[in-house]
Amino acid sequence: MARSSAMPMRRPSARGRPIGSWSRILIYLAPEARGKGVGKRLLEALIARSTALGFRQMVAVIGGAHPASIALHATHGFEEIGRIKGSGFKHGRWLDTMLMQRPLGDGASGDPDLAAYPATLFAE
């Protein structure tokens, strides 16, 4: 079993309108699905879909800072942008959460199109 999602997020401008949109991704794999390329295919599909929808940035939140997940994201152009130390407790130990980011489409170059999706999700 595998599950994934991309959630639109926004950063408001001084006028309360979005000036850029990004997608936070979550991919969960059942133990029996791991090591079979399922995560890779899901990540590639999320990147392609988010890019096609006009998102400019993608942020991965990797609970437990799992090395295999970090490596998978790195091979798909994600870079580490932060680590939240001791942010989760599982199996008797404290775990970190890794934050990774990659640009989509034009990334941070050029102005966002406020008349296009995903910016229209937050129009007043």
PDB file of N, CA and C in Angstrom:
ATOM      1  N   MET A   1       0.836  -1.175   0.000  1.00  0.00           N
ATOM      2  CA  MET A   1       0.000   0.000   0.000  1.00  0.00           C
ATOM      3  C   MET A   1       0.881   1.238   0.000  1.00  0.00           C
ATOM      4  N   ALA A   2       0.466   2.205  -0.773  1.00  0.00           N
ATOM      5  CA  ALA A   2       1.185   3.475  -0.821  1.00  0.00           C
ATOM      6  C   ALA A   2       0.171   4.599  -0.834  1.00  0.00           C
ATOM      7  N   ARG A   3       0.563   5.724  -0.277  1.00  0.00           N
ATOM      8  CA  ARG A   3      -0.318   6.886  -0.258  1.00  0.00           C
ATOM      9  C   ARG A   3       0.540   8.123  -0.430  1.00  0.00           C
ATOM     10  N   SER A   4       0.050   9.053  -1.206  1.00  0.00           N
ATOM     11  CA  SER A   4       0.792  10.291  -1.381  1.00  0.00           C
ATOM     12  C   SER A   4      -0.182  11.446  -1.481  1.00  0.00           C
ATOM     13  N   SER A   5       0.353  12.635  -1.271  1.00  0.00           N
ATOM     14  CA  SER A   5      -0.481  13.826  -1.402  1.00  0.00           C
ATOM     15  C   SER A   5       0.397  15.019  -1.679  1.00  0.00           C
ATOM     16  N   ALA A   6      -0.182  16.002  -2.310  1.00  0.00           N
ATOM     17  CA  ALA A   6       0.487  17.291  -2.487  1.00  0.00           C
ATOM     18  C   ALA A   6      -0.500  18.331  -2.009  1.00  0.00           C
ATOM     19  N   MET A   7      -0.083  19.135  -1.055  1.00  0.00           N
ATOM     20  CA  MET A   7      -0.970  20.130  -0.482  1.00  0.00           C
ATOM     21  C   MET A   7      -0.511  21.520  -0.867  1.00  0.00           C
ATOM     22  N   PRO A   8      -1.391  22.315  -1.465  1.00  0.00           N
ATOM     23  CA  PRO A   8      -0.976  23.672  -1.795  1.00  0.00           C
ATOM     24  C   PRO A   8      -0.802  24.506  -0.536  1.00  0.00           C
ATOM     25  N   MET A   9       0.263  25.276  -0.534  1.00  0.00           N
ATOM     26  CA  MET A   9       0.543  26.161   0.587  1.00  0.00           C
ATOM     27  C   MET A   9       0.768  27.550   0.005  1.00  0.00           C
ATOM     28  N   ARG A  10       0.695  28.562   0.830  1.00  0.00           N
ATOM     29  CA  ARG A  10       0.936  29.904   0.308  1.00  0.00           C
ATOM     30  C   ARG A  10       1.682  30.756   1.309  1.00  0.00           C
ATOM     31  N   ARG A  11       2.288  31.771   0.769  1.00  0.00           N
ATOM     32  CA  ARG A  11       2.943  32.784   1.577  1.00  0.00           C
ATOM     33  C   ARG A  11       2.249  34.086   1.213  1.00  0.00           C
ATOM     34  N   PRO A  12       1.571  34.743   2.147  1.00  0.00           N
ATOM     35  CA  PRO A  12       0.820  35.952   1.798  1.00  0.00           C
ATOM     36  C   PRO A  12       1.732  37.149   1.553  1.00  0.00           C
ATOM     37  N   SER A  13       1.265  38.033   0.731  1.00  0.00           N
ATOM     38  CA  SER A  13       1.981  39.291   0.517  1.00  0.00           C
ATOM     39  C   SER A  13       1.439  40.313   1.502  1.00  0.00           C
ATOM     40  N   ALA A  14       1.943  41.518   1.411  1.00  0.00           N
ATOM     41  CA  ALA A  14       1.478  42.582   2.303  1.00  0.00           C
ATOM     42  C   ALA A  14       0.009  42.890   2.068  1.00  0.00           C
ATOM     43  N   ARG A  15      -0.490  42.609   0.879  1.00  0.00           N
ATOM     44  CA  ARG A  15      -1.897  42.870   0.552  1.00  0.00           C
ATOM     45  C   ARG A  15      -2.797  41.686   0.899  1.00  0.00           C
ATOM     46  N   GLY A  16      -2.212  40.613   1.408  1.00  0.00           N
ATOM     47  CA  GLY A  16      -3.015  39.449   1.753  1.00  0.00           C
ATOM     48  C   GLY A  16      -3.268  38.529   0.577  1.00  0.00           C
ATOM     49  N   ARG A  17      -2.676  38.819  -0.565  1.00  0.00           N
ATOM     50  CA  ARG A  17      -2.810  37.948  -1.730  1.00  0.00           C
ATOM     51  C   ARG A  17      -1.545  37.121  -1.857  1.00  0.00           C
ATOM     52  N   PRO A  18      -1.630  35.926  -2.437  1.00  0.00           N
ATOM     53  CA  PRO A  18      -0.433  35.094  -2.545  1.00  0.00           C
ATOM     54  C   PRO A  18       0.583  35.699  -3.510  1.00  0.00           C
ATOM     55  N   ILE A  19       1.855  35.585  -3.146  1.00  0.00           N
ATOM     56  CA  ILE A  19       2.906  36.028  -4.054  1.00  0.00           C
ATOM     57  C   ILE A  19       3.733  34.850  -4.525  1.00  0.00           C
ATOM     58  N   GLY A  20       3.394  33.686  -4.106  1.00  0.00           N
ATOM     59  CA  GLY A  20       4.073  32.477  -4.550  1.00  0.00           C
ATOM     60  C   GLY A  20       3.422  31.275  -3.926  1.00  0.00           C
ATOM     61  N   SER A  21       3.430  30.171  -4.624  1.00  0.00           N
ATOM     62  CA  SER A  21       2.811  28.967  -4.101  1.00  0.00           C
ATOM     63  C   SER A  21       3.796  27.819  -4.129  1.00  0.00           C
ATOM     64  N   TRP A  22       3.650  26.962  -3.144  1.00  0.00           N
ATOM     65  CA  TRP A  22       4.498  25.800  -3.071  1.00  0.00           C
ATOM     66  C   TRP A  22       3.666  24.606  -2.643  1.00  0.00           C
ATOM     67  N   SER A  23       4.211  23.444  -2.855  1.00  0.00           N
ATOM     68  CA  SER A  23       3.523  22.206  -2.556  1.00  0.00           C
ATOM     69  C   SER A  23       4.336  21.427  -1.533  1.00  0.00           C
ATOM     70  N   ARG A  24       3.686  21.003  -0.469  1.00  0.00           N
ATOM     71  CA  ARG A  24       4.337  20.143   0.524  1.00  0.00           C
ATOM     72  C   ARG A  24       3.921  18.722   0.208  1.00  0.00           C
ATOM     73  N   ILE A  25       4.884  17.830   0.084  1.00  0.00           N
ATOM     74  CA  ILE A  25       4.545  16.463  -0.292  1.00  0.00           C
ATOM     75  C   ILE A  25       4.721  15.508   0.880  1.00  0.00           C
ATOM     76  N   LEU A  26       3.878  14.502   0.883  1.00  0.00           N
ATOM     77  CA  LEU A  26       3.949  13.424   1.859  1.00  0.00           C
ATOM     78  C   LEU A  26       3.772  12.120   1.105  1.00  0.00           C
ATOM     79  N   ILE A  27       4.671  11.181   1.311  1.00  0.00           N
ATOM     80  CA  ILE A  27       4.561   9.858   0.705  1.00  0.00           C
ATOM     81  C   ILE A  27       4.711   8.840   1.820  1.00  0.00           C
ATOM     82  N   TYR A  28       3.745   7.967   1.941  1.00  0.00           N
ATOM     83  CA  TYR A  28       3.798   6.912   2.945  1.00  0.00           C
ATOM     84  C   TYR A  28       3.756   5.569   2.234  1.00  0.00           C
ATOM     85  N   LEU A  29       4.683   4.682   2.557  1.00  0.00           N
ATOM     86  CA  LEU A  29       4.724   3.350   1.969  1.00  0.00           C
ATOM     87  C   LEU A  29       4.557   2.301   3.062  1.00  0.00           C
ATOM     88  N   ALA A  30       3.733   1.312   2.771  1.00  0.00           N
ATOM     89  CA  ALA A  30       3.630   0.169   3.675  1.00  0.00           C
ATOM     90  C   ALA A  30       4.955  -0.584   3.619  1.00  0.00           C
ATOM     91  N   PRO A  31       5.330  -1.254   4.689  1.00  0.00           N
ATOM     92  CA  PRO A  31       6.616  -1.967   4.692  1.00  0.00           C
ATOM     93  C   PRO A  31       6.792  -2.898   3.493  1.00  0.00           C
ATOM     94  N   GLU A  32       5.735  -3.557   3.074  1.00  0.00           N
ATOM     95  CA  GLU A  32       5.859  -4.497   1.952  1.00  0.00           C
ATOM     96  C   GLU A  32       6.048  -3.805   0.597  1.00  0.00           C
ATOM     97  N   ALA A  33       5.828  -2.483   0.537  1.00  0.00           N
ATOM     98  CA  ALA A  33       5.999  -1.737  -0.715  1.00  0.00           C
ATOM     99  C   ALA A  33       7.386  -1.115  -0.823  1.00  0.00           C
ATOM    100  N   ARG A  34       8.136  -1.141   0.243  1.00  0.00           N
ATOM    101  CA  ARG A  34       9.453  -0.485   0.259  1.00  0.00           C
ATOM    102  C   ARG A  34      10.481  -1.282  -0.546  1.00  0.00           C
ATOM    103  N   GLY A  35      11.391  -0.548  -1.194  1.00  0.00           N
ATOM    104  CA  GLY A  35      12.463  -1.180  -1.951  1.00  0.00           C
ATOM    105  C   GLY A  35      12.049  -1.724  -3.303  1.00  0.00           C
ATOM    106  N   LYS A  36      10.861  -1.358  -3.773  1.00  0.00           N
ATOM    107  CA  LYS A  36      10.351  -1.875  -5.050  1.00  0.00           C
ATOM    108  C   LYS A  36      10.142  -0.786  -6.085  1.00  0.00           C
ATOM    109  N   GLY A  37      10.628   0.431  -5.796  1.00  0.00           N
ATOM    110  CA  GLY A  37      10.486   1.516  -6.756  1.00  0.00           C
ATOM    111  C   GLY A  37       9.163   2.253  -6.681  1.00  0.00           C
ATOM    112  N   VAL A  38       8.306   1.885  -5.723  1.00  0.00           N
ATOM    113  CA  VAL A  38       6.998   2.528  -5.594  1.00  0.00           C
ATOM    114  C   VAL A  38       7.169   3.987  -5.167  1.00  0.00           C
ATOM    115  N   GLY A  39       8.016   4.244  -4.183  1.00  0.00           N
ATOM    116  CA  GLY A  39       8.254   5.613  -3.724  1.00  0.00           C
ATOM    117  C   GLY A  39       8.811   6.481  -4.837  1.00  0.00           C
ATOM    118  N   LYS A  40       9.731   5.924  -5.616  1.00  0.00           N
ATOM    119  CA  LYS A  40      10.320   6.662  -6.740  1.00  0.00           C
ATOM    120  C   LYS A  40       9.247   7.054  -7.748  1.00  0.00           C
ATOM    121  N   ARG A  41       8.386   6.117  -8.099  1.00  0.00           N
ATOM    122  CA  ARG A  41       7.322   6.405  -9.075  1.00  0.00           C
ATOM    123  C   ARG A  41       6.330   7.430  -8.525  1.00  0.00           C
ATOM    124  N   LEU A  42       5.976   7.327  -7.247  1.00  0.00           N
ATOM    125  CA  LEU A  42       5.068   8.298  -6.639  1.00  0.00           C
ATOM    126  C   LEU A  42       5.696   9.689  -6.614  1.00  0.00           C
ATOM    127  N   LEU A  43       6.964   9.773  -6.224  1.00  0.00           N
ATOM    128  CA  LEU A  43       7.642  11.065  -6.163  1.00  0.00           C
ATOM    129  C   LEU A  43       7.727  11.690  -7.557  1.00  0.00           C
ATOM    130  N   GLU A  44       8.094  10.899  -8.552  1.00  0.00           N
ATOM    131  CA  GLU A  44       8.177  11.415  -9.915  1.00  0.00           C
ATOM    132  C   GLU A  44       6.814  11.913 -10.404  1.00  0.00           C
ATOM    133  N   ALA A  45       5.754  11.177 -10.064  1.00  0.00           N
ATOM    134  CA  ALA A  45       4.403  11.595 -10.463  1.00  0.00           C
ATOM    135  C   ALA A  45       3.995  12.889  -9.759  1.00  0.00           C
ATOM    136  N   LEU A  46       4.330  13.025  -8.467  1.00  0.00           N
ATOM    137  CA  LEU A  46       4.004  14.244  -7.729  1.00  0.00           C
ATOM    138  C   LEU A  46       4.764  15.450  -8.273  1.00  0.00           C
ATOM    139  N   ILE A  47       6.030  15.250  -8.624  1.00  0.00           N
ATOM    140  CA  ILE A  47       6.823  16.338  -9.199  1.00  0.00           C
ATOM    141  C   ILE A  47       6.214  16.772 -10.525  1.00  0.00           C
ATOM    142  N   ALA A  48       5.906  15.816 -11.388  1.00  0.00           N
ATOM    143  CA  ALA A  48       5.334  16.132 -12.702  1.00  0.00           C
ATOM    144  C   ALA A  48       3.981  16.826 -12.568  1.00  0.00           C
ATOM    145  N   ARG A  49       3.118  16.312 -11.707  1.00  0.00           N
ATOM    146  CA  ARG A  49       1.779  16.887 -11.541  1.00  0.00           C
ATOM    147  C   ARG A  49       1.845  18.285 -10.934  1.00  0.00           C
ATOM    148  N   SER A  50       2.663  18.470  -9.913  1.00  0.00           N
ATOM    149  CA  SER A  50       2.789  19.785  -9.277  1.00  0.00           C
ATOM    150  C   SER A  50       3.368  20.810 -10.248  1.00  0.00           C
ATOM    151  N   THR A  51       4.328  20.393 -11.066  1.00  0.00           N
ATOM    152  CA  THR A  51       4.900  21.280 -12.077  1.00  0.00           C
ATOM    153  C   THR A  51       3.837  21.661 -13.099  1.00  0.00           C
ATOM    154  N   ALA A  52       3.085  20.665 -13.575  1.00  0.00           N
ATOM    155  CA  ALA A  52       2.039  20.916 -14.569  1.00  0.00           C
ATOM    156  C   ALA A  52       0.955  21.851 -14.026  1.00  0.00           C
ATOM    157  N   LEU A  53       0.701  21.788 -12.736  1.00  0.00           N
ATOM    158  CA  LEU A  53      -0.321  22.644 -12.123  1.00  0.00           C
ATOM    159  C   LEU A  53       0.175  24.064 -11.883  1.00  0.00           C
ATOM    160  N   GLY A  54       1.477  24.292 -12.036  1.00  0.00           N
ATOM    161  CA  GLY A  54       2.012  25.642 -11.887  1.00  0.00           C
ATOM    162  C   GLY A  54       2.678  25.945 -10.563  1.00  0.00           C
ATOM    163  N   PHE A  55       2.857  24.935  -9.709  1.00  0.00           N
ATOM    164  CA  PHE A  55       3.570  25.170  -8.457  1.00  0.00           C
ATOM    165  C   PHE A  55       5.018  25.516  -8.768  1.00  0.00           C
ATOM    166  N   ARG A  56       5.625  26.359  -7.952  1.00  0.00           N
ATOM    167  CA  ARG A  56       6.987  26.834  -8.207  1.00  0.00           C
ATOM    168  C   ARG A  56       8.024  26.199  -7.285  1.00  0.00           C
ATOM    169  N   GLN A  57       7.611  25.669  -6.155  1.00  0.00           N
ATOM    170  CA  GLN A  57       8.528  25.037  -5.203  1.00  0.00           C
ATOM    171  C   GLN A  57       7.855  23.793  -4.627  1.00  0.00           C
ATOM    172  N   MET A  58       8.660  22.807  -4.256  1.00  0.00           N
ATOM    173  CA  MET A  58       8.153  21.615  -3.589  1.00  0.00           C
ATOM    174  C   MET A  58       8.995  21.390  -2.344  1.00  0.00           C
ATOM    175  N   VAL A  59       8.331  21.135  -1.229  1.00  0.00           N
ATOM    176  CA  VAL A  59       9.004  20.902   0.048  1.00  0.00           C
ATOM    177  C   VAL A  59       8.632  19.508   0.553  1.00  0.00           C
ATOM    178  N   ALA A  60       9.660  18.732   0.884  1.00  0.00           N
ATOM    179  CA  ALA A  60       9.458  17.399   1.451  1.00  0.00           C
ATOM    180  C   ALA A  60       9.706  17.472   2.949  1.00  0.00           C
ATOM    181  N   VAL A  61       8.806  16.887   3.714  1.00  0.00           N
ATOM    182  CA  VAL A  61       8.930  16.805   5.164  1.00  0.00           C
ATOM    183  C   VAL A  61       9.169  15.328   5.485  1.00  0.00           C
ATOM    184  N   ILE A  62      10.394  14.996   5.863  1.00  0.00           N
ATOM    185  CA  ILE A  62      10.786  13.596   6.027  1.00  0.00           C
ATOM    186  C   ILE A  62      10.897  13.272   7.508  1.00  0.00           C
ATOM    187  N   GLY A  63       9.856  12.650   8.032  1.00  0.00           N
ATOM    188  CA  GLY A  63       9.818  12.268   9.437  1.00  0.00           C
ATOM    189  C   GLY A  63      10.835  11.189   9.736  1.00  0.00           C
ATOM    190  N   GLY A  64      11.531  11.355  10.841  1.00  0.00           N
ATOM    191  CA  GLY A  64      12.544  10.393  11.221  1.00  0.00           C
ATOM    192  C   GLY A  64      13.842  10.572  10.462  1.00  0.00           C
ATOM    193  N   ALA A  65      13.893  11.565   9.569  1.00  0.00           N
ATOM    194  CA  ALA A  65      15.081  11.827   8.745  1.00  0.00           C
ATOM    195  C   ALA A  65      15.625  10.516   8.185  1.00  0.00           C
ATOM    196  N   HIS A  66      14.728   9.695   7.654  1.00  0.00           N
ATOM    197  CA  HIS A  66      15.063   8.359   7.160  1.00  0.00           C
ATOM    198  C   HIS A  66      16.070   8.441   6.006  1.00  0.00           C
ATOM    199  N   PRO A  67      17.223   7.802   6.134  1.00  0.00           N
ATOM    200  CA  PRO A  67      18.279   7.916   5.116  1.00  0.00           C
ATOM    201  C   PRO A  67      17.839   7.521   3.706  1.00  0.00           C
ATOM    202  N   ALA A  68      17.038   6.476   3.574  1.00  0.00           N
ATOM    203  CA  ALA A  68      16.598   6.058   2.234  1.00  0.00           C
ATOM    204  C   ALA A  68      15.714   7.123   1.598  1.00  0.00           C
ATOM    205  N   SER A  69      14.842   7.735   2.381  1.00  0.00           N
ATOM    206  CA  SER A  69      13.972   8.789   1.862  1.00  0.00           C
ATOM    207  C   SER A  69      14.777  10.034   1.494  1.00  0.00           C
ATOM    208  N   ILE A  70      15.751  10.382   2.324  1.00  0.00           N
ATOM    209  CA  ILE A  70      16.610  11.522   2.031  1.00  0.00           C
ATOM    210  C   ILE A  70      17.363  11.277   0.721  1.00  0.00           C
ATOM    211  N   ALA A  71      17.902  10.084   0.543  1.00  0.00           N
ATOM    212  CA  ALA A  71      18.634   9.744  -0.683  1.00  0.00           C
ATOM    213  C   ALA A  71      17.712   9.805  -1.902  1.00  0.00           C
ATOM    214  N   LEU A  72      16.499   9.282  -1.774  1.00  0.00           N
ATOM    215  CA  LEU A  72      15.542   9.320  -2.880  1.00  0.00           C
ATOM    216  C   LEU A  72      15.246  10.755  -3.296  1.00  0.00           C
ATOM    217  N   HIS A  73      14.966  11.595  -2.326  1.00  0.00           N
ATOM    218  CA  HIS A  73      14.674  12.996  -2.631  1.00  0.00           C
ATOM    219  C   HIS A  73      15.888  13.709  -3.236  1.00  0.00           C
ATOM    220  N   ALA A  74      17.073  13.430  -2.718  1.00  0.00           N
ATOM    221  CA  ALA A  74      18.286  14.057  -3.247  1.00  0.00           C
ATOM    222  C   ALA A  74      18.504  13.690  -4.713  1.00  0.00           C
ATOM    223  N   THR A  75      18.234  12.439  -5.077  1.00  0.00           N
ATOM    224  CA  THR A  75      18.410  12.031  -6.472  1.00  0.00           C
ATOM    225  C   THR A  75      17.380  12.683  -7.397  1.00  0.00           C
ATOM    226  N   HIS A  76      16.345  13.271  -6.820  1.00  0.00           N
ATOM    227  CA  HIS A  76      15.315  13.964  -7.611  1.00  0.00           C
ATOM    228  C   HIS A  76      15.422  15.481  -7.473  1.00  0.00           C
ATOM    229  N   GLY A  77      16.595  15.963  -7.078  1.00  0.00           N
ATOM    230  CA  GLY A  77      16.850  17.397  -7.084  1.00  0.00           C
ATOM    231  C   GLY A  77      16.499  18.153  -5.818  1.00  0.00           C
ATOM    232  N   PHE A  78      16.136  17.453  -4.760  1.00  0.00           N
ATOM    233  CA  PHE A  78      15.833  18.119  -3.494  1.00  0.00           C
ATOM    234  C   PHE A  78      17.122  18.396  -2.745  1.00  0.00           C
ATOM    235  N   GLU A  79      17.157  19.534  -2.051  1.00  0.00           N
ATOM    236  CA  GLU A  79      18.296  19.897  -1.207  1.00  0.00           C
ATOM    237  C   GLU A  79      17.809  20.110   0.216  1.00  0.00           C
ATOM    238  N   GLU A  80      18.670  19.785   1.175  1.00  0.00           N
ATOM    239  CA  GLU A  80      18.314  19.982   2.578  1.00  0.00           C
ATOM    240  C   GLU A  80      18.195  21.473   2.873  1.00  0.00           C
ATOM    241  N   ILE A  81      17.083  21.848   3.508  1.00  0.00           N
ATOM    242  CA  ILE A  81      16.903  23.246   3.908  1.00  0.00           C
ATOM    243  C   ILE A  81      16.772  23.387   5.421  1.00  0.00           C
ATOM    244  N   GLY A  82      16.665  22.261   6.116  1.00  0.00           N
ATOM    245  CA  GLY A  82      16.584  22.353   7.564  1.00  0.00           C
ATOM    246  C   GLY A  82      16.316  21.020   8.218  1.00  0.00           C
ATOM    247  N   ARG A  83      16.521  21.011   9.505  1.00  0.00           N
ATOM    248  CA  ARG A  83      16.284  19.809  10.307  1.00  0.00           C
ATOM    249  C   ARG A  83      15.676  20.253  11.629  1.00  0.00           C
ATOM    250  N   ILE A  84      14.584  19.613  11.994  1.00  0.00           N
ATOM    251  CA  ILE A  84      13.952  19.877  13.282  1.00  0.00           C
ATOM    252  C   ILE A  84      14.375  18.741  14.206  1.00  0.00           C
ATOM    253  N   LYS A  85      15.263  19.045  15.106  1.00  0.00           N
ATOM    254  CA  LYS A  85      15.844  18.007  15.969  1.00  0.00           C
ATOM    255  C   LYS A  85      14.868  17.570  17.053  1.00  0.00           C
ATOM    256  N   GLY A  86      14.856  16.264  17.293  1.00  0.00           N
ATOM    257  CA  GLY A  86      14.047  15.705  18.362  1.00  0.00           C
ATOM    258  C   GLY A  86      12.570  16.032  18.246  1.00  0.00           C
ATOM    259  N   SER A  87      12.051  16.060  17.034  1.00  0.00           N
ATOM    260  CA  SER A  87      10.669  16.494  16.817  1.00  0.00           C
ATOM    261  C   SER A  87       9.647  15.361  16.877  1.00  0.00           C
ATOM    262  N   GLY A  88      10.125  14.142  17.000  1.00  0.00           N
ATOM    263  CA  GLY A  88       9.199  13.015  17.100  1.00  0.00           C
ATOM    264  C   GLY A  88       9.792  11.930  17.989  1.00  0.00           C
ATOM    265  N   PHE A  89       8.928  11.166  18.609  1.00  0.00           N
ATOM    266  CA  PHE A  89       9.374  10.086  19.486  1.00  0.00           C
ATOM    267  C   PHE A  89       8.729   8.798  19.005  1.00  0.00           C
ATOM    268  N   LYS A  90       9.559   7.825  18.628  1.00  0.00           N
ATOM    269  CA  LYS A  90       9.037   6.574  18.080  1.00  0.00           C
ATOM    270  C   LYS A  90       9.986   5.439  18.452  1.00  0.00           C
ATOM    271  N   HIS A  91       9.431   4.313  18.846  1.00  0.00           N
ATOM    272  CA  HIS A  91      10.219   3.127  19.195  1.00  0.00           C
ATOM    273  C   HIS A  91      11.270   3.442  20.261  1.00  0.00           C
ATOM    274  N   GLY A  92      10.875   4.259  21.234  1.00  0.00           N
ATOM    275  CA  GLY A  92      11.742   4.533  22.368  1.00  0.00           C
ATOM    276  C   GLY A  92      12.874   5.511  22.126  1.00  0.00           C
ATOM    277  N   ARG A  93      12.815   6.268  21.020  1.00  0.00           N
ATOM    278  CA  ARG A  93      13.880   7.247  20.784  1.00  0.00           C
ATOM    279  C   ARG A  93      13.339   8.481  20.080  1.00  0.00           C
ATOM    280  N   TRP A  94      14.056   9.589  20.279  1.00  0.00           N
ATOM    281  CA  TRP A  94      13.702  10.847  19.635  1.00  0.00           C
ATOM    282  C   TRP A  94      14.223  10.857  18.208  1.00  0.00           C
ATOM    283  N   LEU A  95      13.423  11.362  17.296  1.00  0.00           N
ATOM    284  CA  LEU A  95      13.783  11.400  15.874  1.00  0.00           C
ATOM    285  C   LEU A  95      13.743  12.830  15.349  1.00  0.00           C
ATOM    286  N   ASP A  96      14.574  13.095  14.368  1.00  0.00           N
ATOM    287  CA  ASP A  96      14.580  14.388  13.692  1.00  0.00           C
ATOM    288  C   ASP A  96      13.612  14.367  12.511  1.00  0.00           C
ATOM    289  N   THR A  97      13.228  15.534  12.066  1.00  0.00           N
ATOM    290  CA  THR A  97      12.454  15.696  10.832  1.00  0.00           C
ATOM    291  C   THR A  97      13.315  16.517   9.880  1.00  0.00           C
ATOM    292  N   MET A  98      13.511  15.998   8.684  1.00  0.00           N
ATOM    293  CA  MET A  98      14.314  16.668   7.666  1.00  0.00           C
ATOM    294  C   MET A  98      13.397  17.430   6.721  1.00  0.00           C
ATOM    295  N   LEU A  99      13.786  18.655   6.380  1.00  0.00           N
ATOM    296  CA  LEU A  99      13.071  19.455   5.392  1.00  0.00           C
ATOM    297  C   LEU A  99      13.955  19.555   4.166  1.00  0.00           C
ATOM    298  N   MET A 100      13.396  19.224   2.994  1.00  0.00           N
ATOM    299  CA  MET A 100      14.129  19.312   1.733  1.00  0.00           C
ATOM    300  C   MET A 100      13.262  20.063   0.728  1.00  0.00           C
ATOM    301  N   GLN A 101      13.889  20.733  -0.214  1.00  0.00           N
ATOM    302  CA  GLN A 101      13.160  21.576  -1.172  1.00  0.00           C
ATOM    303  C   GLN A 101      13.777  21.438  -2.558  1.00  0.00           C
ATOM    304  N   ARG A 102      12.913  21.572  -3.582  1.00  0.00           N
ATOM    305  CA  ARG A 102      13.387  21.655  -4.959  1.00  0.00           C
ATOM    306  C   ARG A 102      12.500  22.612  -5.727  1.00  0.00           C
ATOM    307  N   PRO A 103      13.083  23.347  -6.672  1.00  0.00           N
ATOM    308  CA  PRO A 103      12.260  24.233  -7.496  1.00  0.00           C
ATOM    309  C   PRO A 103      11.483  23.436  -8.535  1.00  0.00           C
ATOM    310  N   LEU A 104      10.353  23.987  -8.933  1.00  0.00           N
ATOM    311  CA  LEU A 104       9.543  23.408 -10.011  1.00  0.00           C
ATOM    312  C   LEU A 104       9.386  24.466 -11.093  1.00  0.00           C
ATOM    313  N   GLY A 105       9.383  24.067 -12.333  1.00  0.00           N
ATOM    314  CA  GLY A 105       9.207  25.028 -13.416  1.00  0.00           C
ATOM    315  C   GLY A 105      10.242  26.128 -13.335  1.00  0.00           C
ATOM    316  N   ASP A 106       9.789  27.373 -13.284  1.00  0.00           N
ATOM    317  CA  ASP A 106      10.683  28.525 -13.204  1.00  0.00           C
ATOM    318  C   ASP A 106      11.216  28.765 -11.794  1.00  0.00           C
ATOM    319  N   GLY A 107      10.760  27.994 -10.827  1.00  0.00           N
ATOM    320  CA  GLY A 107      11.234  28.160  -9.453  1.00  0.00           C
ATOM    321  C   GLY A 107      11.062  29.589  -8.976  1.00  0.00           C
ATOM    322  N   ALA A 108      12.127  30.164  -8.455  1.00  0.00           N
ATOM    323  CA  ALA A 108      12.068  31.516  -7.908  1.00  0.00           C
ATOM    324  C   ALA A 108      12.441  32.583  -8.935  1.00  0.00           C
ATOM    325  N   SER A 109      12.679  32.175 -10.173  1.00  0.00           N
ATOM    326  CA  SER A 109      13.005  33.186 -11.192  1.00  0.00           C
ATOM    327  C   SER A 109      11.715  33.699 -11.827  1.00  0.00           C
ATOM    328  N   GLY A 110      11.627  34.970 -11.994  1.00  0.00           N
ATOM    329  CA  GLY A 110      10.434  35.569 -12.585  1.00  0.00           C
ATOM    330  C   GLY A 110       9.327  35.762 -11.569  1.00  0.00           C
ATOM    331  N   ASP A 111       8.390  36.606 -11.930  1.00  0.00           N
ATOM    332  CA  ASP A 111       7.252  36.897 -11.060  1.00  0.00           C
ATOM    333  C   ASP A 111       6.189  35.806 -11.177  1.00  0.00           C
ATOM    334  N   PRO A 112       5.472  35.525 -10.091  1.00  0.00           N
ATOM    335  CA  PRO A 112       4.372  34.566 -10.177  1.00  0.00           C
ATOM    336  C   PRO A 112       3.210  35.167 -10.957  1.00  0.00           C
ATOM    337  N   ASP A 113       2.455  34.309 -11.591  1.00  0.00           N
ATOM    338  CA  ASP A 113       1.256  34.729 -12.316  1.00  0.00           C
ATOM    339  C   ASP A 113       0.075  34.624 -11.354  1.00  0.00           C
ATOM    340  N   LEU A 114      -0.360  35.748 -10.795  1.00  0.00           N
ATOM    341  CA  LEU A 114      -1.439  35.738  -9.805  1.00  0.00           C
ATOM    342  C   LEU A 114      -2.789  35.383 -10.405  1.00  0.00           C
ATOM    343  N   ALA A 115      -2.889  35.410 -11.730  1.00  0.00           N
ATOM    344  CA  ALA A 115      -4.154  35.067 -12.386  1.00  0.00           C
ATOM    345  C   ALA A 115      -4.230  33.582 -12.717  1.00  0.00           C
ATOM    346  N   ALA A 116      -3.164  32.833 -12.461  1.00  0.00           N
ATOM    347  CA  ALA A 116      -3.124  31.414 -12.811  1.00  0.00           C
ATOM    348  C   ALA A 116      -3.153  30.548 -11.561  1.00  0.00           C
ATOM    349  N   TYR A 117      -3.606  29.317 -11.730  1.00  0.00           N
ATOM    350  CA  TYR A 117      -3.541  28.320 -10.667  1.00  0.00           C
ATOM    351  C   TYR A 117      -2.074  28.068 -10.358  1.00  0.00           C
ATOM    352  N   PRO A 118      -1.661  27.898  -9.136  1.00  0.00           N
ATOM    353  CA  PRO A 118      -2.414  27.738  -7.903  1.00  0.00           C
ATOM    354  C   PRO A 118      -2.716  29.054  -7.179  1.00  0.00           C
ATOM    355  N   ALA A 119      -2.212  30.178  -7.677  1.00  0.00           N
ATOM    356  CA  ALA A 119      -2.455  31.455  -6.999  1.00  0.00           C
ATOM    357  C   ALA A 119      -3.946  31.774  -6.891  1.00  0.00           C
ATOM    358  N   THR A 120      -4.735  31.307  -7.851  1.00  0.00           N
ATOM    359  CA  THR A 120      -6.170  31.587  -7.834  1.00  0.00           C
ATOM    360  C   THR A 120      -6.891  30.901  -6.685  1.00  0.00           C
ATOM    361  N   LEU A 121      -6.249  29.909  -6.081  1.00  0.00           N
ATOM    362  CA  LEU A 121      -6.871  29.244  -4.924  1.00  0.00           C
ATOM    363  C   LEU A 121      -7.057  30.196  -3.763  1.00  0.00           C
ATOM    364  N   PHE A 122      -6.224  31.230  -3.706  1.00  0.00           N
ATOM    365  CA  PHE A 122      -6.210  32.131  -2.565  1.00  0.00           C
ATOM    366  C   PHE A 122      -6.671  33.535  -2.900  1.00  0.00           C
ATOM    367  N   ALA A 123      -7.271  33.686  -4.085  1.00  0.00           N
ATOM    368  CA  ALA A 123      -7.747  35.010  -4.496  1.00  0.00           C
ATOM    369  C   ALA A 123      -8.880  35.441  -3.576  1.00  0.00           C
ATOM    370  N   GLU A 124      -8.921  36.726  -3.341  1.00  0.00           N
ATOM    371  CA  GLU A 124      -9.966  37.268  -2.460  1.00  0.00           C
ATOM    372  C   GLU A 124     -11.228  37.539  -3.240  1.00  0.00           C
TER     373      GLU A 124
END
